C-alpha cells in the first residue's frame, strides 16, 4: 500500500484521486481489523480450551516431578538423620565409658572395692566355706582349747555366714 501511495505521489496526478486512495486503504485496514476481531472471537473459545488443557497437562507433570524431588529429599534427610543419630549414640557410649572409668578410678583411690574385687572375695569365701565343711565332716581330735577358739571365731562372723554349730555329745 505504501508503494501504491508513493506511485501516486510520484505521478502527481490530481489531489482528489490521492485522497480517494487513502480513504480506500483506510477502509481496507478497518475491514481487515474487523475480520481479525471476528475470527478471534470465533476461535478464541477453542484456543482458550486448548490452552487450559495444555496448562493442566503441564501442571500434572510439574506436580509429579515436584513429588519425586520431595521424596528424594525426604529419603536423603532420613538417611542423614539416621547417620547423625548413630554417630551421636556412639559418642554417648564413649562418653559413658570414660565417665565409668573415671568414677572407678576415683572409687579405687578412696579404697572402695570394685565389682571384680567383690566377686573375687565371694569366690574366696565360697572356697573357704567348702574347706570348712570338709574339715567338719572329718572326725578330728578336739582339744579343750579348740571349742573356745571356734566359739570366738563364730561370734566374730556375721550370723548369715556362720557354719552350722556342731552339737557335742
C-alpha atoms as a PDB file:
ATOM      1  CA  UNK A   1       0.000   0.000   0.000  1.00  0.00           C
ATOM      2  CA  UNK A   2       2.839   2.370   0.746  1.00  0.00           C
ATOM      3  CA  UNK A   3       4.202   1.654  -2.691  1.00  0.00           C
ATOM      4  CA  UNK A   4       0.849   2.453  -4.143  1.00  0.00           C
ATOM      5  CA  UNK A   5       0.801   5.816  -2.374  1.00  0.00           C
ATOM      6  CA  UNK A   6       4.352   6.555  -3.423  1.00  0.00           C
ATOM      7  CA  UNK A   7       3.479   5.722  -7.001  1.00  0.00           C
ATOM      8  CA  UNK A   8       0.558   8.003  -6.882  1.00  0.00           C
ATOM      9  CA  UNK A   9       2.501  10.847  -5.414  1.00  0.00           C
ATOM     10  CA  UNK A  10       5.257  10.267  -7.927  1.00  0.00           C
ATOM     11  CA  UNK A  11       2.804  10.554 -10.756  1.00  0.00           C
ATOM     12  CA  UNK A  12       1.411  13.698  -9.143  1.00  0.00           C
ATOM     13  CA  UNK A  13      -1.980  13.298 -10.558  1.00  0.00           C
ATOM     14  CA  UNK A  14      -4.855  15.019  -9.060  1.00  0.00           C
ATOM     15  CA  UNK A  15      -5.295  15.504  -5.314  1.00  0.00           C
ATOM     16  CA  UNK A  16      -8.846  14.055  -5.251  1.00  0.00           C
ATOM     17  CA  UNK A  17      -7.511  10.827  -6.651  1.00  0.00           C
ATOM     18  CA  UNK A  18      -4.913  10.653  -3.809  1.00  0.00           C
ATOM     19  CA  UNK A  19      -7.471  11.284  -1.059  1.00  0.00           C
ATOM     20  CA  UNK A  20      -9.712   8.569  -2.547  1.00  0.00           C
ATOM     21  CA  UNK A  21      -6.853   6.080  -2.421  1.00  0.00           C
ATOM     22  CA  UNK A  22      -6.143   6.980   1.222  1.00  0.00           C
ATOM     23  CA  UNK A  23      -9.812   6.524   2.082  1.00  0.00           C
ATOM     24  CA  UNK A  24      -9.906   3.210   0.281  1.00  0.00           C
ATOM     25  CA  UNK A  25      -6.763   1.999   2.118  1.00  0.00           C
ATOM     26  CA  UNK A  26      -8.145   3.099   5.468  1.00  0.00           C
ATOM     27  CA  UNK A  27     -11.386   1.300   4.698  1.00  0.00           C
ATOM     28  CA  UNK A  28      -9.489  -1.915   3.847  1.00  0.00           C
ATOM     29  CA  UNK A  29      -7.453  -1.657   7.062  1.00  0.00           C
ATOM     30  CA  UNK A  30     -10.641  -1.176   9.076  1.00  0.00           C
ATOM     31  CA  UNK A  31     -12.295  -4.185   7.439  1.00  0.00           C
ATOM     32  CA  UNK A  32      -9.210  -6.332   7.998  1.00  0.00           C
ATOM     33  CA  UNK A  33      -9.271  -5.389  11.686  1.00  0.00           C
ATOM     34  CA  UNK A  34     -12.959  -6.270  11.952  1.00  0.00           C
ATOM     35  CA  UNK A  35     -12.305  -9.601  10.230  1.00  0.00           C
ATOM     36  CA  UNK A  36      -9.445 -10.387  12.604  1.00  0.00           C
ATOM     37  CA  UNK A  37     -11.605  -9.464  15.585  1.00  0.00           C
ATOM     38  CA  UNK A  38     -14.436 -11.697  14.346  1.00  0.00           C
ATOM     39  CA  UNK A  39     -12.064 -14.564  13.703  1.00  0.00           C
ATOM     40  CA  UNK A  40     -10.524 -14.163  17.161  1.00  0.00           C
ATOM     41  CA  UNK A  41     -13.989 -14.256  18.739  1.00  0.00           C
ATOM     42  CA  UNK A  42     -14.920 -17.428  16.883  1.00  0.00           C
ATOM     43  CA  UNK A  43     -11.723 -19.293  17.545  1.00  0.00           C
ATOM     44  CA  UNK A  44     -10.984 -17.661  20.896  1.00  0.00           C
ATOM     45  CA  UNK A  45     -13.074 -20.180  22.814  1.00  0.00           C
ATOM     46  CA  UNK A  46     -11.343 -23.065  21.083  1.00  0.00           C
ATOM     47  CA  UNK A  47      -7.910 -21.575  21.712  1.00  0.00           C
ATOM     48  CA  UNK A  48      -8.808 -20.920  25.350  1.00  0.00           C
ATOM     49  CA  UNK A  49      -9.910 -24.543  25.874  1.00  0.00           C
ATOM     50  CA  UNK A  50      -6.723 -25.797  24.200  1.00  0.00           C
ATOM     51  CA  UNK A  51      -4.599 -23.585  26.466  1.00  0.00           C
ATOM     52  CA  UNK A  52      -6.447 -24.844  29.556  1.00  0.00           C
ATOM     53  CA  UNK A  53      -5.811 -28.469  28.533  1.00  0.00           C
ATOM     54  CA  UNK A  54      -2.117 -27.777  27.934  1.00  0.00           C
ATOM     55  CA  UNK A  55      -1.869 -25.950  31.256  1.00  0.00           C
ATOM     56  CA  UNK A  56      -3.479 -28.878  33.075  1.00  0.00           C
ATOM     57  CA  UNK A  57      -1.061 -31.308  31.447  1.00  0.00           C
ATOM     58  CA  UNK A  58       1.940 -29.167  32.378  1.00  0.00           C
ATOM     59  CA  UNK A  59       0.642 -28.812  35.941  1.00  0.00           C
ATOM     60  CA  UNK A  60       0.354 -32.606  36.331  1.00  0.00           C
ATOM     61  CA  UNK A  61       3.874 -33.140  35.011  1.00  0.00           C
ATOM     62  CA  UNK A  62       5.235 -30.429  37.295  1.00  0.00           C
ATOM     63  CA  UNK A  63       3.489 -31.923  40.334  1.00  0.00           C
ATOM     64  CA  UNK A  64       4.857 -35.379  39.533  1.00  0.00           C
ATOM     65  CA  UNK A  65       8.396 -34.033  39.247  1.00  0.00           C
ATOM     66  CA  UNK A  66       7.985 -31.983  42.434  1.00  0.00           C
ATOM     67  CA  UNK A  67       6.685 -35.012  44.370  1.00  0.00           C
ATOM     68  CA  UNK A  68       9.623 -37.071  43.110  1.00  0.00           C
ATOM     69  CA  UNK A  69      12.081 -34.383  44.220  1.00  0.00           C
ATOM     70  CA  UNK A  70      10.372 -34.104  47.619  1.00  0.00           C
ATOM     71  CA  UNK A  71      10.516 -37.885  48.035  1.00  0.00           C
ATOM     72  CA  UNK A  72      14.213 -37.914  47.173  1.00  0.00           C
ATOM     73  CA  UNK A  73      14.914 -35.057  49.574  1.00  0.00           C
ATOM     74  CA  UNK A  74      12.910 -36.777  52.326  1.00  0.00           C
ATOM     75  CA  UNK A  75      14.886 -40.001  51.869  1.00  0.00           C
ATOM     76  CA  UNK A  76      18.168 -38.103  51.992  1.00  0.00           C
ATOM     77  CA  UNK A  77      17.142 -36.286  55.158  1.00  0.00           C
ATOM     78  CA  UNK A  78      16.016 -39.553  56.784  1.00  0.00           C
ATOM     79  CA  UNK A  79      19.374 -41.150  55.945  1.00  0.00           C
ATOM     80  CA  UNK A  80      21.226 -38.141  57.312  1.00  0.00           C
ATOM     81  CA  UNK A  81      19.146 -38.233  60.496  1.00  0.00           C
ATOM     82  CA  UNK A  82      19.883 -41.944  60.932  1.00  0.00           C
ATOM     83  CA  UNK A  83      23.610 -41.349  60.445  1.00  0.00           C
ATOM     84  CA  UNK A  84      23.639 -38.452  62.879  1.00  0.00           C
ATOM     85  CA  UNK A  85      21.666 -40.461  65.443  1.00  0.00           C
ATOM     86  CA  UNK A  86      24.067 -43.405  65.238  1.00  0.00           C
ATOM     87  CA  UNK A  87      27.099 -41.115  65.489  1.00  0.00           C
ATOM     88  CA  UNK A  88      25.575 -39.346  68.483  1.00  0.00           C
ATOM     89  CA  UNK A  89      24.807 -42.708  70.096  1.00  0.00           C
ATOM     90  CA  UNK A  90      28.412 -43.799  69.599  1.00  0.00           C
ATOM     91  CA  UNK A  91      29.632 -40.569  71.145  1.00  0.00           C
ATOM     92  CA  UNK A  92      27.328 -41.067  74.149  1.00  0.00           C
ATOM     93  CA  UNK A  93      28.649 -44.613  74.568  1.00  0.00           C
ATOM     94  CA  UNK A  94      32.228 -43.334  74.529  1.00  0.00           C
ATOM     95  CA  UNK A  95      31.355 -40.593  76.997  1.00  0.00           C
ATOM     96  CA  UNK A  96      29.629 -43.098  79.266  1.00  0.00           C
ATOM     97  CA  UNK A  97      32.671 -45.410  79.191  1.00  0.00           C
ATOM     98  CA  UNK A  98      35.021 -42.537  80.020  1.00  0.00           C
ATOM     99  CA  UNK A  99      32.764 -41.481  82.897  1.00  0.00           C
ATOM    100  CA  UNK A 100      32.582 -45.033  84.268  1.00  0.00           C
ATOM    101  CA  UNK A 101      36.379 -45.427  84.068  1.00  0.00           C
ATOM    102  CA  UNK A 102      36.989 -42.169  85.908  1.00  0.00           C
ATOM    103  CA  UNK A 103      34.437 -42.962  88.609  1.00  0.00           C
ATOM    104  CA  UNK A 104      36.003 -46.417  89.061  1.00  0.00           C
ATOM    105  CA  UNK A 105      39.468 -44.849  89.416  1.00  0.00           C
ATOM    106  CA  UNK A 106      38.181 -42.344  91.961  1.00  0.00           C
ATOM    107  CA  UNK A 107      36.420 -45.041  93.994  1.00  0.00           C
ATOM    108  CA  UNK A 108      39.544 -47.210  93.836  1.00  0.00           C
ATOM    109  CA  UNK A 109      41.642 -44.332  95.183  1.00  0.00           C
ATOM    110  CA  UNK A 110      39.165 -43.952  98.041  1.00  0.00           C
ATOM    111  CA  UNK A 111      39.514 -47.647  98.861  1.00  0.00           C
ATOM    112  CA  UNK A 112      36.064 -48.721  97.698  1.00  0.00           C
ATOM    113  CA  UNK A 113      36.283 -52.227  96.231  1.00  0.00           C
ATOM    114  CA  UNK A 114      35.218 -52.709  92.640  1.00  0.00           C
ATOM    115  CA  UNK A 115      32.720 -55.284  91.436  1.00  0.00           C
ATOM    116  CA  UNK A 116      35.615 -57.533  90.404  1.00  0.00           C
ATOM    117  CA  UNK A 117      37.133 -57.273  93.878  1.00  0.00           C
ATOM    118  CA  UNK A 118      33.806 -58.215  95.465  1.00  0.00           C
ATOM    119  CA  UNK A 119      33.415 -61.164  93.064  1.00  0.00           C
ATOM    120  CA  UNK A 120      36.922 -62.404  93.940  1.00  0.00           C
ATOM    121  CA  UNK A 121      36.137 -62.123  97.650  1.00  0.00           C
ATOM    122  CA  UNK A 122      32.864 -64.013  97.230  1.00  0.00           C
ATOM    123  CA  UNK A 123      34.715 -66.782  95.381  1.00  0.00           C
ATOM    124  CA  UNK A 124      37.305 -66.974  98.175  1.00  0.00           C
ATOM    125  CA  UNK A 125      34.574 -67.088 100.817  1.00  0.00           C
ATOM    126  CA  UNK A 126      32.824 -69.902  98.961  1.00  0.00           C
ATOM    127  CA  UNK A 127      36.096 -71.809  98.743  1.00  0.00           C
ATOM    128  CA  UNK A 128      36.769 -71.293 102.440  1.00  0.00           C
ATOM    129  CA  UNK A 129      33.234 -72.452 103.282  1.00  0.00           C
ATOM    130  CA  UNK A 130      33.806 -75.644 101.301  1.00  0.00           C
ATOM    131  CA  UNK A 131      37.093 -76.218 103.109  1.00  0.00           C
ATOM    132  CA  UNK A 132      35.421 -75.647 106.491  1.00  0.00           C
ATOM    133  CA  UNK A 133      32.661 -78.085 105.603  1.00  0.00           C
ATOM    134  CA  UNK A 134      35.224 -80.683 104.539  1.00  0.00           C
ATOM    135  CA  UNK A 135      37.052 -80.208 107.829  1.00  0.00           C
ATOM    136  CA  UNK A 136      33.814 -80.530 109.735  1.00  0.00           C
ATOM    137  CA  UNK A 137      32.992 -83.847 108.075  1.00  0.00           C
ATOM    138  CA  UNK A 138      36.315 -85.468 109.156  1.00  0.00           C
ATOM    139  CA  UNK A 139      36.488 -86.775 112.673  1.00  0.00           C
ATOM    140  CA  UNK A 140      39.152 -84.699 114.303  1.00  0.00           C
ATOM    141  CA  UNK A 141      40.628 -84.830 117.743  1.00  0.00           C
ATOM    142  CA  UNK A 142      39.339 -81.847 119.557  1.00  0.00           C
ATOM    143  CA  UNK A 143      41.232 -80.488 122.466  1.00  0.00           C
ATOM    144  CA  UNK A 144      39.609 -78.474 125.234  1.00  0.00           C
ATOM    145  CA  UNK A 145      41.046 -75.216 123.800  1.00  0.00           C
ATOM    146  CA  UNK A 146      39.642 -75.849 120.340  1.00  0.00           C
ATOM    147  CA  UNK A 147      35.943 -75.337 121.203  1.00  0.00           C
ATOM    148  CA  UNK A 148      36.692 -71.989 122.817  1.00  0.00           C
ATOM    149  CA  UNK A 149      38.576 -70.786 119.732  1.00  0.00           C
ATOM    150  CA  UNK A 150      35.738 -71.973 117.499  1.00  0.00           C
ATOM    151  CA  UNK A 151      33.216 -70.102 119.645  1.00  0.00           C
ATOM    152  CA  UNK A 152      35.250 -66.887 119.466  1.00  0.00           C
ATOM    153  CA  UNK A 153      35.544 -67.041 115.670  1.00  0.00           C
ATOM    154  CA  UNK A 154      31.855 -67.893 115.339  1.00  0.00           C
ATOM    155  CA  UNK A 155      30.969 -64.815 117.382  1.00  0.00           C
ATOM    156  CA  UNK A 156      33.011 -62.618 115.065  1.00  0.00           C
ATOM    157  CA  UNK A 157      31.379 -63.878 111.853  1.00  0.00           C
ATOM    158  CA  UNK A 158      28.046 -62.410 110.795  1.00  0.00           C
ATOM    159  CA  UNK A 159      25.089 -64.679 111.504  1.00  0.00           C
ATOM    160  CA  UNK A 160      24.373 -65.306 107.828  1.00  0.00           C
ATOM    161  CA  UNK A 161      27.922 -66.546 107.144  1.00  0.00           C
ATOM    162  CA  UNK A 162      28.288 -68.882 110.174  1.00  0.00           C
ATOM    163  CA  UNK A 163      28.648 -72.556 109.637  1.00  0.00           C
ATOM    164  CA  UNK A 164      26.079 -74.665 111.427  1.00  0.00           C
ATOM    165  CA  UNK A 165      27.177 -75.332 115.019  1.00  0.00           C
ATOM    166  CA  UNK A 166      28.079 -78.873 115.968  1.00  0.00           C
ATOM    167  CA  UNK A 167      26.442 -80.457 118.928  1.00  0.00           C
ATOM    168  CA  UNK A 168      28.866 -82.049 121.269  1.00  0.00           C
ATOM    169  CA  UNK A 169      27.963 -85.319 122.866  1.00  0.00           C
END
